Amino acid sequence: MGMMNMDSMQAMMKTMMPAAGDAASTRDFKAADMKMMHDMAVPYTGNPDVDFRTKMIPHHQGAIDMAKVALGHAKDDTSKALAAQIIKDQEREIAEMREWLAKNAPK
């Protein structure tokens, strides 16, 4: 897996920034994306087990936040059902990762 170059990173960030013509759902999805990217910016420890969980917790929270946006804006019942299931599953997985970190991460 290669590193992202600066142009690619800037292009990605531009797509996440709010724009005047964005639909309400797009604004909400972009806000969830920006929060997730910010929250994932934690330093690495060199311990792959800790780093994996530390990065995945905000990633999963981002999925929850996006699923909540979907619940608030989606019209399709299958989209809403999927969003509800994602919230349930990701909340459980976050709790499991936090429990593992509490027991195993260096203090």
PDB file of N, CA and C in Angstrom:
ATOM      1  N   MET A   1       0.852  -1.171   0.000  1.00  0.00           N
ATOM      2  CA  MET A   1       0.000   0.000   0.000  1.00  0.00           C
ATOM      3  C   MET A   1       0.896   1.232   0.000  1.00  0.00           C
ATOM      4  N   GLY A   2       0.702   2.111  -0.968  1.00  0.00           N
ATOM      5  CA  GLY A   2       1.543   3.285  -1.101  1.00  0.00           C
ATOM      6  C   GLY A   2       1.018   4.470  -0.311  1.00  0.00           C
ATOM      7  N   MET A   3       1.898   5.428  -0.144  1.00  0.00           N
ATOM      8  CA  MET A   3       1.528   6.673   0.530  1.00  0.00           C
ATOM      9  C   MET A   3       0.777   7.560  -0.455  1.00  0.00           C
ATOM     10  N   MET A   4      -0.135   8.351   0.054  1.00  0.00           N
ATOM     11  CA  MET A   4      -0.875   9.286  -0.768  1.00  0.00           C
ATOM     12  C   MET A   4       0.011  10.500  -1.043  1.00  0.00           C
ATOM     13  N   ASN A   5       0.050  10.966  -2.299  1.00  0.00           N
ATOM     14  CA  ASN A   5       0.840  12.160  -2.566  1.00  0.00           C
ATOM     15  C   ASN A   5       0.049  13.398  -2.157  1.00  0.00           C
ATOM     16  N   MET A   6       0.740  14.531  -2.101  1.00  0.00           N
ATOM     17  CA  MET A   6       0.121  15.766  -1.606  1.00  0.00           C
ATOM     18  C   MET A   6      -1.068  16.185  -2.477  1.00  0.00           C
ATOM     19  N   ASP A   7      -0.951  16.052  -3.795  1.00  0.00           N
ATOM     20  CA  ASP A   7      -2.063  16.428  -4.672  1.00  0.00           C
ATOM     21  C   ASP A   7      -3.296  15.572  -4.394  1.00  0.00           C
ATOM     22  N   SER A   8      -3.102  14.277  -4.201  1.00  0.00           N
ATOM     23  CA  SER A   8      -4.221  13.381  -3.901  1.00  0.00           C
ATOM     24  C   SER A   8      -4.852  13.728  -2.564  1.00  0.00           C
ATOM     25  N   MET A   9      -4.007  14.029  -1.579  1.00  0.00           N
ATOM     26  CA  MET A   9      -4.508  14.394  -0.254  1.00  0.00           C
ATOM     27  C   MET A   9      -5.316  15.691  -0.328  1.00  0.00           C
ATOM     28  N   GLN A  10      -4.814  16.680  -1.054  1.00  0.00           N
ATOM     29  CA  GLN A  10      -5.532  17.951  -1.178  1.00  0.00           C
ATOM     30  C   GLN A  10      -6.856  17.763  -1.916  1.00  0.00           C
ATOM     31  N   ALA A  11      -6.859  16.937  -2.955  1.00  0.00           N
ATOM     32  CA  ALA A  11      -8.097  16.669  -3.690  1.00  0.00           C
ATOM     33  C   ALA A  11      -9.115  15.983  -2.789  1.00  0.00           C
ATOM     34  N   MET A  12      -8.659  15.035  -1.975  1.00  0.00           N
ATOM     35  CA  MET A  12      -9.555  14.340  -1.058  1.00  0.00           C
ATOM     36  C   MET A  12     -10.137  15.324  -0.045  1.00  0.00           C
ATOM     37  N   MET A  13      -9.293  16.178   0.515  1.00  0.00           N
ATOM     38  CA  MET A  13      -9.766  17.143   1.506  1.00  0.00           C
ATOM     39  C   MET A  13     -10.774  18.115   0.880  1.00  0.00           C
ATOM     40  N   LYS A  14     -10.540  18.510  -0.369  1.00  0.00           N
ATOM     41  CA  LYS A  14     -11.452  19.434  -1.043  1.00  0.00           C
ATOM     42  C   LYS A  14     -12.840  18.821  -1.180  1.00  0.00           C
ATOM     43  N   THR A  15     -12.921  17.534  -1.469  1.00  0.00           N
ATOM     44  CA  THR A  15     -14.230  16.893  -1.607  1.00  0.00           C
ATOM     45  C   THR A  15     -14.969  16.821  -0.282  1.00  0.00           C
ATOM     46  N   MET A  16     -14.246  16.917   0.831  1.00  0.00           N
ATOM     47  CA  MET A  16     -14.870  16.834   2.151  1.00  0.00           C
ATOM     48  C   MET A  16     -15.343  18.194   2.660  1.00  0.00           C
ATOM     49  N   MET A  17     -14.859  19.264   2.063  1.00  0.00           N
ATOM     50  CA  MET A  17     -15.206  20.598   2.541  1.00  0.00           C
ATOM     51  C   MET A  17     -16.632  20.956   2.116  1.00  0.00           C
ATOM     52  N   PRO A  18     -17.367  21.636   3.000  1.00  0.00           N
ATOM     53  CA  PRO A  18     -18.726  22.043   2.646  1.00  0.00           C
ATOM     54  C   PRO A  18     -18.718  22.977   1.434  1.00  0.00           C
ATOM     55  N   ALA A  19     -19.721  22.841   0.596  1.00  0.00           N
ATOM     56  CA  ALA A  19     -19.883  23.707  -0.569  1.00  0.00           C
ATOM     57  C   ALA A  19     -21.290  24.292  -0.547  1.00  0.00           C
ATOM     58  N   ALA A  20     -21.429  25.463  -1.110  1.00  0.00           N
ATOM     59  CA  ALA A  20     -22.700  26.191  -1.055  1.00  0.00           C
ATOM     60  C   ALA A  20     -23.876  25.377  -1.592  1.00  0.00           C
ATOM     61  N   GLY A  21     -23.671  24.604  -2.633  1.00  0.00           N
ATOM     62  CA  GLY A  21     -24.775  23.871  -3.239  1.00  0.00           C
ATOM     63  C   GLY A  21     -25.024  22.490  -2.671  1.00  0.00           C
ATOM     64  N   ASP A  22     -24.320  22.129  -1.609  1.00  0.00           N
ATOM     65  CA  ASP A  22     -24.474  20.792  -1.036  1.00  0.00           C
ATOM     66  C   ASP A  22     -25.876  20.577  -0.471  1.00  0.00           C
ATOM     67  N   ALA A  23     -26.410  19.401  -0.708  1.00  0.00           N
ATOM     68  CA  ALA A  23     -27.664  18.999  -0.065  1.00  0.00           C
ATOM     69  C   ALA A  23     -27.415  18.856   1.433  1.00  0.00           C
ATOM     70  N   ALA A  24     -28.466  18.923   2.218  1.00  0.00           N
ATOM     71  CA  ALA A  24     -28.330  18.795   3.672  1.00  0.00           C
ATOM     72  C   ALA A  24     -27.651  17.483   4.045  1.00  0.00           C
ATOM     73  N   SER A  25     -28.021  16.403   3.378  1.00  0.00           N
ATOM     74  CA  SER A  25     -27.396  15.114   3.696  1.00  0.00           C
ATOM     75  C   SER A  25     -25.912  15.136   3.354  1.00  0.00           C
ATOM     76  N   THR A  26     -25.545  15.773   2.251  1.00  0.00           N
ATOM     77  CA  THR A  26     -24.135  15.863   1.867  1.00  0.00           C
ATOM     78  C   THR A  26     -23.352  16.644   2.907  1.00  0.00           C
ATOM     79  N   ARG A  27     -23.908  17.757   3.371  1.00  0.00           N
ATOM     80  CA  ARG A  27     -23.237  18.531   4.431  1.00  0.00           C
ATOM     81  C   ARG A  27     -23.026  17.664   5.669  1.00  0.00           C
ATOM     82  N   ASP A  28     -24.042  16.893   6.038  1.00  0.00           N
ATOM     83  CA  ASP A  28     -23.939  16.048   7.223  1.00  0.00           C
ATOM     84  C   ASP A  28     -22.926  14.919   7.027  1.00  0.00           C
ATOM     85  N   PHE A  29     -22.910  14.307   5.834  1.00  0.00           N
ATOM     86  CA  PHE A  29     -21.914  13.267   5.554  1.00  0.00           C
ATOM     87  C   PHE A  29     -20.503  13.849   5.577  1.00  0.00           C
ATOM     88  N   LYS A  30     -20.320  15.026   4.996  1.00  0.00           N
ATOM     89  CA  LYS A  30     -19.002  15.662   4.987  1.00  0.00           C
ATOM     90  C   LYS A  30     -18.539  15.974   6.409  1.00  0.00           C
ATOM     91  N   ALA A  31     -19.446  16.439   7.254  1.00  0.00           N
ATOM     92  CA  ALA A  31     -19.087  16.721   8.645  1.00  0.00           C
ATOM     93  C   ALA A  31     -18.651  15.441   9.353  1.00  0.00           C
ATOM     94  N   ALA A  32     -19.353  14.349   9.118  1.00  0.00           N
ATOM     95  CA  ALA A  32     -18.978  13.065   9.722  1.00  0.00           C
ATOM     96  C   ALA A  32     -17.617  12.612   9.215  1.00  0.00           C
ATOM     97  N   ASP A  33     -17.364  12.786   7.909  1.00  0.00           N
ATOM     98  CA  ASP A  33     -16.058  12.431   7.339  1.00  0.00           C
ATOM     99  C   ASP A  33     -14.935  13.228   7.989  1.00  0.00           C
ATOM    100  N   MET A  34     -15.134  14.540   8.095  1.00  0.00           N
ATOM    101  CA  MET A  34     -14.089  15.405   8.659  1.00  0.00           C
ATOM    102  C   MET A  34     -13.810  15.036  10.117  1.00  0.00           C
ATOM    103  N   LYS A  35     -14.859  14.773  10.880  1.00  0.00           N
ATOM    104  CA  LYS A  35     -14.675  14.389  12.283  1.00  0.00           C
ATOM    105  C   LYS A  35     -13.899  13.082  12.374  1.00  0.00           C
ATOM    106  N   MET A  36     -14.255  12.111  11.544  1.00  0.00           N
ATOM    107  CA  MET A  36     -13.565  10.823  11.578  1.00  0.00           C
ATOM    108  C   MET A  36     -12.090  10.998  11.234  1.00  0.00           C
ATOM    109  N   MET A  37     -11.791  11.749  10.186  1.00  0.00           N
ATOM    110  CA  MET A  37     -10.396  11.949   9.788  1.00  0.00           C
ATOM    111  C   MET A  37      -9.613  12.633  10.912  1.00  0.00           C
ATOM    112  N   HIS A  38     -10.223  13.617  11.544  1.00  0.00           N
ATOM    113  CA  HIS A  38      -9.569  14.305  12.662  1.00  0.00           C
ATOM    114  C   HIS A  38      -9.320  13.342  13.820  1.00  0.00           C
ATOM    115  N   ASP A  39     -10.333  12.574  14.170  1.00  0.00           N
ATOM    116  CA  ASP A  39     -10.230  11.677  15.322  1.00  0.00           C
ATOM    117  C   ASP A  39      -9.271  10.513  15.083  1.00  0.00           C
ATOM    118  N   MET A  40      -9.032  10.167  13.822  1.00  0.00           N
ATOM    119  CA  MET A  40      -8.095   9.082  13.514  1.00  0.00           C
ATOM    120  C   MET A  40      -6.637   9.550  13.561  1.00  0.00           C
ATOM    121  N   ALA A  41      -6.426  10.846  13.656  1.00  0.00           N
ATOM    122  CA  ALA A  41      -5.068  11.400  13.654  1.00  0.00           C
ATOM    123  C   ALA A  41      -4.446  11.294  15.044  1.00  0.00           C
ATOM    124  N   VAL A  42      -4.226  10.071  15.483  1.00  0.00           N
ATOM    125  CA  VAL A  42      -3.568   9.818  16.768  1.00  0.00           C
ATOM    126  C   VAL A  42      -2.201   9.203  16.480  1.00  0.00           C
ATOM    127  N   PRO A  43      -1.235   9.446  17.358  1.00  0.00           N
ATOM    128  CA  PRO A  43       0.110   8.913  17.093  1.00  0.00           C
ATOM    129  C   PRO A  43       0.147   7.386  17.190  1.00  0.00           C
ATOM    130  N   TYR A  44       1.004   6.809  16.382  1.00  0.00           N
ATOM    131  CA  TYR A  44       1.234   5.363  16.437  1.00  0.00           C
ATOM    132  C   TYR A  44       2.140   5.038  17.622  1.00  0.00           C
ATOM    133  N   THR A  45       1.934   3.849  18.194  1.00  0.00           N
ATOM    134  CA  THR A  45       2.723   3.423  19.353  1.00  0.00           C
ATOM    135  C   THR A  45       3.815   2.434  18.980  1.00  0.00           C
ATOM    136  N   GLY A  46       3.711   1.828  17.803  1.00  0.00           N
ATOM    137  CA  GLY A  46       4.623   0.756  17.431  1.00  0.00           C
ATOM    138  C   GLY A  46       4.091  -0.612  17.814  1.00  0.00           C
ATOM    139  N   ASN A  47       3.000  -0.642  18.569  1.00  0.00           N
ATOM    140  CA  ASN A  47       2.346  -1.892  18.947  1.00  0.00           C
ATOM    141  C   ASN A  47       1.178  -2.097  17.981  1.00  0.00           C
ATOM    142  N   PRO A  48       1.280  -3.057  17.056  1.00  0.00           N
ATOM    143  CA  PRO A  48       0.240  -3.192  16.037  1.00  0.00           C
ATOM    144  C   PRO A  48      -1.140  -3.530  16.600  1.00  0.00           C
ATOM    145  N   ASP A  49      -1.196  -4.229  17.705  1.00  0.00           N
ATOM    146  CA  ASP A  49      -2.492  -4.574  18.296  1.00  0.00           C
ATOM    147  C   ASP A  49      -3.170  -3.331  18.863  1.00  0.00           C
ATOM    148  N   VAL A  50      -2.390  -2.503  19.545  1.00  0.00           N
ATOM    149  CA  VAL A  50      -2.913  -1.251  20.104  1.00  0.00           C
ATOM    150  C   VAL A  50      -3.250  -0.276  18.978  1.00  0.00           C
ATOM    151  N   ASP A  51      -2.324  -0.110  18.033  1.00  0.00           N
ATOM    152  CA  ASP A  51      -2.536   0.846  16.946  1.00  0.00           C
ATOM    153  C   ASP A  51      -3.773   0.490  16.123  1.00  0.00           C
ATOM    154  N   PHE A  52      -3.954  -0.795  15.849  1.00  0.00           N
ATOM    155  CA  PHE A  52      -5.123  -1.232  15.081  1.00  0.00           C
ATOM    156  C   PHE A  52      -6.409  -0.789  15.765  1.00  0.00           C
ATOM    157  N   ARG A  53      -6.535  -1.088  17.036  1.00  0.00           N
ATOM    158  CA  ARG A  53      -7.766  -0.748  17.758  1.00  0.00           C
ATOM    159  C   ARG A  53      -7.915   0.760  17.940  1.00  0.00           C
ATOM    160  N   THR A  54      -6.801   1.438  18.218  1.00  0.00           N
ATOM    161  CA  THR A  54      -6.851   2.880  18.432  1.00  0.00           C
ATOM    162  C   THR A  54      -7.316   3.609  17.176  1.00  0.00           C
ATOM    163  N   LYS A  55      -6.926   3.117  16.017  1.00  0.00           N
ATOM    164  CA  LYS A  55      -7.369   3.718  14.755  1.00  0.00           C
ATOM    165  C   LYS A  55      -8.783   3.267  14.375  1.00  0.00           C
ATOM    166  N   MET A  56      -9.115   2.025  14.691  1.00  0.00           N
ATOM    167  CA  MET A  56     -10.419   1.499  14.290  1.00  0.00           C
ATOM    168  C   MET A  56     -11.573   2.079  15.103  1.00  0.00           C
ATOM    169  N   ILE A  57     -11.324   2.476  16.336  1.00  0.00           N
ATOM    170  CA  ILE A  57     -12.413   3.042  17.142  1.00  0.00           C
ATOM    171  C   ILE A  57     -12.990   4.293  16.472  1.00  0.00           C
ATOM    172  N   PRO A  58     -12.175   5.299  16.122  1.00  0.00           N
ATOM    173  CA  PRO A  58     -12.782   6.453  15.441  1.00  0.00           C
ATOM    174  C   PRO A  58     -13.305   6.109  14.042  1.00  0.00           C
ATOM    175  N   HIS A  59     -12.701   5.126  13.404  1.00  0.00           N
ATOM    176  CA  HIS A  59     -13.206   4.691  12.091  1.00  0.00           C
ATOM    177  C   HIS A  59     -14.618   4.121  12.251  1.00  0.00           C
ATOM    178  N   HIS A  60     -14.806   3.276  13.254  1.00  0.00           N
ATOM    179  CA  HIS A  60     -16.133   2.713  13.522  1.00  0.00           C
ATOM    180  C   HIS A  60     -17.110   3.810  13.952  1.00  0.00           C
ATOM    181  N   GLN A  61     -16.628   4.767  14.773  1.00  0.00           N
ATOM    182  CA  GLN A  61     -17.500   5.872  15.185  1.00  0.00           C
ATOM    183  C   GLN A  61     -17.930   6.674  13.967  1.00  0.00           C
ATOM    184  N   GLY A  62     -17.012   6.830  13.010  1.00  0.00           N
ATOM    185  CA  GLY A  62     -17.371   7.509  11.767  1.00  0.00           C
ATOM    186  C   GLY A  62     -18.478   6.774  11.025  1.00  0.00           C
ATOM    187  N   ALA A  63     -18.407   5.447  11.027  1.00  0.00           N
ATOM    188  CA  ALA A  63     -19.468   4.654  10.395  1.00  0.00           C
ATOM    189  C   ALA A  63     -20.794   4.867  11.115  1.00  0.00           C
ATOM    190  N   ILE A  64     -20.741   4.936  12.438  1.00  0.00           N
ATOM    191  CA  ILE A  64     -21.957   5.194  13.218  1.00  0.00           C
ATOM    192  C   ILE A  64     -22.516   6.570  12.875  1.00  0.00           C
ATOM    193  N   ASP A  65     -21.641   7.570  12.837  1.00  0.00           N
ATOM    194  CA  ASP A  65     -22.090   8.929  12.530  1.00  0.00           C
ATOM    195  C   ASP A  65     -22.706   9.006  11.134  1.00  0.00           C
ATOM    196  N   MET A  66     -22.089   8.323  10.162  1.00  0.00           N
ATOM    197  CA  MET A  66     -22.641   8.319   8.804  1.00  0.00           C
ATOM    198  C   MET A  66     -23.963   7.555   8.752  1.00  0.00           C
ATOM    199  N   ALA A  67     -24.061   6.481   9.524  1.00  0.00           N
ATOM    200  CA  ALA A  67     -25.314   5.728   9.575  1.00  0.00           C
ATOM    201  C   ALA A  67     -26.429   6.584  10.174  1.00  0.00           C
ATOM    202  N   LYS A  68     -26.089   7.407  11.150  1.00  0.00           N
ATOM    203  CA  LYS A  68     -27.088   8.311  11.731  1.00  0.00           C
ATOM    204  C   LYS A  68     -27.541   9.346  10.706  1.00  0.00           C
ATOM    205  N   VAL A  69     -26.607   9.822   9.885  1.00  0.00           N
ATOM    206  CA  VAL A  69     -26.984  10.731   8.795  1.00  0.00           C
ATOM    207  C   VAL A  69     -27.958  10.012   7.861  1.00  0.00           C
ATOM    208  N   ALA A  70     -27.628   8.779   7.516  1.00  0.00           N
ATOM    209  CA  ALA A  70     -28.504   8.008   6.632  1.00  0.00           C
ATOM    210  C   ALA A  70     -29.891   7.839   7.251  1.00  0.00           C
ATOM    211  N   LEU A  71     -29.943   7.539   8.541  1.00  0.00           N
ATOM    212  CA  LEU A  71     -31.249   7.390   9.195  1.00  0.00           C
ATOM    213  C   LEU A  71     -32.057   8.678   9.117  1.00  0.00           C
ATOM    214  N   GLY A  72     -31.362   9.806   9.195  1.00  0.00           N
ATOM    215  CA  GLY A  72     -32.051  11.091   9.158  1.00  0.00           C
ATOM    216  C   GLY A  72     -32.465  11.555   7.769  1.00  0.00           C
ATOM    217  N   HIS A  73     -31.818  11.029   6.744  1.00  0.00           N
ATOM    218  CA  HIS A  73     -32.071  11.545   5.399  1.00  0.00           C
ATOM    219  C   HIS A  73     -32.538  10.501   4.387  1.00  0.00           C
ATOM    220  N   ALA A  74     -32.219   9.246   4.596  1.00  0.00           N
ATOM    221  CA  ALA A  74     -32.516   8.218   3.589  1.00  0.00           C
ATOM    222  C   ALA A  74     -34.020   8.039   3.412  1.00  0.00           C
ATOM    223  N   LYS A  75     -34.383   7.692   2.206  1.00  0.00           N
ATOM    224  CA  LYS A  75     -35.792   7.422   1.885  1.00  0.00           C
ATOM    225  C   LYS A  75     -36.069   5.919   1.808  1.00  0.00           C
ATOM    226  N   ASP A  76     -35.062   5.162   1.416  1.00  0.00           N
ATOM    227  CA  ASP A  76     -35.214   3.725   1.190  1.00  0.00           C
ATOM    228  C   ASP A  76     -35.162   2.954   2.511  1.00  0.00           C
ATOM    229  N   ASP A  77     -36.130   2.095   2.729  1.00  0.00           N
ATOM    230  CA  ASP A  77     -36.193   1.327   3.975  1.00  0.00           C
ATOM    231  C   ASP A  77     -34.996   0.398   4.152  1.00  0.00           C
ATOM    232  N   THR A  78     -34.469  -0.149   3.054  1.00  0.00           N
ATOM    233  CA  THR A  78     -33.302  -1.028   3.200  1.00  0.00           C
ATOM    234  C   THR A  78     -32.066  -0.230   3.605  1.00  0.00           C
ATOM    235  N   SER A  79     -31.962   1.016   3.146  1.00  0.00           N
ATOM    236  CA  SER A  79     -30.856   1.879   3.585  1.00  0.00           C
ATOM    237  C   SER A  79     -30.974   2.157   5.078  1.00  0.00           C
ATOM    238  N   LYS A  80     -32.179   2.433   5.522  1.00  0.00           N
ATOM    239  CA  LYS A  80     -32.403   2.707   6.945  1.00  0.00           C
ATOM    240  C   LYS A  80     -32.120   1.473   7.793  1.00  0.00           C
ATOM    241  N   ALA A  81     -32.536   0.305   7.318  1.00  0.00           N
ATOM    242  CA  ALA A  81     -32.282  -0.934   8.059  1.00  0.00           C
ATOM    243  C   ALA A  81     -30.788  -1.216   8.132  1.00  0.00           C
ATOM    244  N   LEU A  82     -30.083  -1.017   7.030  1.00  0.00           N
ATOM    245  CA  LEU A  82     -28.635  -1.210   7.024  1.00  0.00           C
ATOM    246  C   LEU A  82     -27.969  -0.237   7.982  1.00  0.00           C
ATOM    247  N   ALA A  83     -28.390   1.014   7.965  1.00  0.00           N
ATOM    248  CA  ALA A  83     -27.816   2.012   8.869  1.00  0.00           C
ATOM    249  C   ALA A  83     -28.039   1.618  10.328  1.00  0.00           C
ATOM    250  N   ALA A  84     -29.231   1.174  10.654  1.00  0.00           N
ATOM    251  CA  ALA A  84     -29.528   0.754  12.030  1.00  0.00           C
ATOM    252  C   ALA A  84     -28.658  -0.431  12.436  1.00  0.00           C
ATOM    253  N   GLN A  85     -28.461  -1.374  11.535  1.00  0.00           N
ATOM    254  CA  GLN A  85     -27.621  -2.543  11.832  1.00  0.00           C
ATOM    255  C   GLN A  85     -26.164  -2.135  12.006  1.00  0.00           C
ATOM    256  N   ILE A  86     -25.700  -1.217  11.181  1.00  0.00           N
ATOM    257  CA  ILE A  86     -24.323  -0.731  11.306  1.00  0.00           C
ATOM    258  C   ILE A  86     -24.116  -0.089  12.664  1.00  0.00           C
ATOM    259  N   ILE A  87     -25.062   0.730  13.099  1.00  0.00           N
ATOM    260  CA  ILE A  87     -24.945   1.368  14.411  1.00  0.00           C
ATOM    261  C   ILE A  87     -24.828   0.305  15.499  1.00  0.00           C
ATOM    262  N   LYS A  88     -25.707  -0.667  15.477  1.00  0.00           N
ATOM    263  CA  LYS A  88     -25.695  -1.738  16.482  1.00  0.00           C
ATOM    264  C   LYS A  88     -24.364  -2.487  16.471  1.00  0.00           C
ATOM    265  N   ASP A  89     -23.925  -2.916  15.296  1.00  0.00           N
ATOM    266  CA  ASP A  89     -22.694  -3.707  15.188  1.00  0.00           C
ATOM    267  C   ASP A  89     -21.458  -2.901  15.569  1.00  0.00           C
ATOM    268  N   GLN A  90     -21.373  -1.676  15.072  1.00  0.00           N
ATOM    269  CA  GLN A  90     -20.179  -0.873  15.319  1.00  0.00           C
ATOM    270  C   GLN A  90     -20.085  -0.446  16.789  1.00  0.00           C
ATOM    271  N   GLU A  91     -21.210  -0.155  17.419  1.00  0.00           N
ATOM    272  CA  GLU A  91     -21.183   0.179  18.851  1.00  0.00           C
ATOM    273  C   GLU A  91     -20.665  -1.000  19.664  1.00  0.00           C
ATOM    274  N   ARG A  92     -21.114  -2.211  19.323  1.00  0.00           N
ATOM    275  CA  ARG A  92     -20.635  -3.403  20.027  1.00  0.00           C
ATOM    276  C   ARG A  92     -19.140  -3.578  19.803  1.00  0.00           C
ATOM    277  N   GLU A  93     -18.685  -3.426  18.572  1.00  0.00           N
ATOM    278  CA  GLU A  93     -17.267  -3.607  18.271  1.00  0.00           C
ATOM    279  C   GLU A  93     -16.405  -2.543  18.949  1.00  0.00           C
ATOM    280  N   ILE A  94     -16.887  -1.306  19.016  1.00  0.00           N
ATOM    281  CA  ILE A  94     -16.146  -0.259  19.731  1.00  0.00           C
ATOM    282  C   ILE A  94     -16.004  -0.645  21.193  1.00  0.00           C
ATOM    283  N   ALA A  95     -17.081  -1.117  21.805  1.00  0.00           N
ATOM    284  CA  ALA A  95     -17.021  -1.527  23.213  1.00  0.00           C
ATOM    285  C   ALA A  95     -16.010  -2.652  23.404  1.00  0.00           C
ATOM    286  N   GLU A  96     -15.987  -3.617  22.487  1.00  0.00           N
ATOM    287  CA  GLU A  96     -15.023  -4.722  22.577  1.00  0.00           C
ATOM    288  C   GLU A  96     -13.586  -4.214  22.448  1.00  0.00           C
ATOM    289  N   MET A  97     -13.350  -3.291  21.527  1.00  0.00           N
ATOM    290  CA  MET A  97     -11.994  -2.757  21.348  1.00  0.00           C
ATOM    291  C   MET A  97     -11.560  -1.945  22.559  1.00  0.00           C
ATOM    292  N   ARG A  98     -12.459  -1.151  23.109  1.00  0.00           N
ATOM    293  CA  ARG A  98     -12.118  -0.365  24.306  1.00  0.00           C
ATOM    294  C   ARG A  98     -11.820  -1.285  25.485  1.00  0.00           C
ATOM    295  N   GLU A  99     -12.592  -2.343  25.615  1.00  0.00           N
ATOM    296  CA  GLU A  99     -12.354  -3.310  26.690  1.00  0.00           C
ATOM    297  C   GLU A  99     -10.980  -3.955  26.522  1.00  0.00           C
ATOM    298  N   TRP A 100     -10.633  -4.354  25.304  1.00  0.00           N
ATOM    299  CA  TRP A 100      -9.327  -4.952  25.046  1.00  0.00           C
ATOM    300  C   TRP A 100      -8.217  -3.957  25.374  1.00  0.00           C
ATOM    301  N   LEU A 101      -8.369  -2.714  24.942  1.00  0.00           N
ATOM    302  CA  LEU A 101      -7.346  -1.698  25.220  1.00  0.00           C
ATOM    303  C   LEU A 101      -7.193  -1.469  26.721  1.00  0.00           C
ATOM    304  N   ALA A 102      -8.308  -1.440  27.448  1.00  0.00           N
ATOM    305  CA  ALA A 102      -8.240  -1.230  28.897  1.00  0.00           C
ATOM    306  C   ALA A 102      -7.457  -2.344  29.581  1.00  0.00           C
ATOM    307  N   LYS A 103      -7.564  -3.554  29.062  1.00  0.00           N
ATOM    308  CA  LYS A 103      -6.876  -4.701  29.662  1.00  0.00           C
ATOM    309  C   LYS A 103      -5.449  -4.866  29.163  1.00  0.00           C
ATOM    310  N   ASN A 104      -5.171  -4.474  27.927  1.00  0.00           N
ATOM    311  CA  ASN A 104      -3.918  -4.858  27.288  1.00  0.00           C
ATOM    312  C   ASN A 104      -2.992  -3.727  26.874  1.00  0.00           C
ATOM    313  N   ALA A 105      -3.503  -2.527  26.703  1.00  0.00           N
ATOM    314  CA  ALA A 105      -2.638  -1.435  26.239  1.00  0.00           C
ATOM    315  C   ALA A 105      -1.707  -1.004  27.365  1.00  0.00           C
ATOM    316  N   PRO A 106      -0.453  -0.705  27.023  1.00  0.00           N
ATOM    317  CA  PRO A 106       0.469  -0.216  28.055  1.00  0.00           C
ATOM    318  C   PRO A 106      -0.072   1.066  28.673  1.00  0.00           C
ATOM    319  N   LYS A 107       0.131   1.186  29.946  1.00  0.00           N
ATOM    320  CA  LYS A 107      -0.368   2.369  30.661  1.00  0.00           C
ATOM    321  C   LYS A 107       0.631   3.491  30.604  1.00  0.00           C
TER     322      LYS A 107
END
